[in-house]
Amino acid sequence: MGQDGYCRGQAPAGRGRLGPGRRRHPGQGTVRLSFQAEYLYGWPDWNASLEIVARSARQLGMDIAAYFPEANIWHQNRDNYVFGILMDSLGGTGAVSPCTRAYAAIGSMDLPPAGTPNRVQNFGRWVNQEANQIINRLASETDAAKLKQLWTRLNIICLQEMPAAGLMYRPGGFHTVNTSVWTGFPRLNDGANIPPTIRASGYGVKALYHYAEHPGFFFAERAGIIPQIRFIFSVPLYR
């Protein structure tokens, strides 16, 4: 790779469209390996994941710089295809329609025309007609063997062309509690059968019967160290 960020050599043929910071020079067979990877400022876990990507890429001879703009700039860059590498999260999907995840990530059947902001799907504007056909078939196919074949072929296409890559996986909903004052908050496999992130209606009432004051807090309060104030906070955090 030269100082200009381009790898000299014959570029592979038959690939999908590459991002603005990555292109082939006609007649030269060069591919740029210098990118700016961006996500919203102020999301420490996601920002850290892009920093890891940048460090790992250097070991492969690629120059990737992590970039964390404010929300309005990031949205403009995403919607107008002004980025080299962009991190984003897809909308939720149910077990009955997993093909909607493929549609949102790599489907190009509903992309707006070039030059028009894209707020729909496939922000890298990758186009592969075979992938589109598979996604359309997945939406109505019910035969288990055929579904396996379709998903296998779609995965092969994605691995060969890499229009997107899964970077980070975690639960969509999680919660945190402070047990220095109260204990007994619902947790997985505690026998209470109360979903930790659901405190509404009957679940919330049932959870109240499991709370207990922390012994250390009791003695501190009676000694006059802590005022006698009672609050219970258990706030689900969603991203």
Foldseek 3Di string as FASTA:
>chain_A
DDPVQKDFDAADPDAWDAAPQWDADPPGRITGQEFEEEDAPDPVVVQVLVVVVQVVVVVVVGHYHYDHDHPVVLLVCQQQRPGRHYDDDDDDDDPLQPLVVVCQQANQPPADDHPGGGPGHNSNNTDDVVLNVLSVCCRPDDDPVVNVVSVVVNVVSCVVHVSDDDRDDDDQKDKDADPQFKDQQDDPPPPLPQPNQDLDDPSVVSSVVRIDTDPVVVVCVVVVNDPPDDDGDIHMDGD
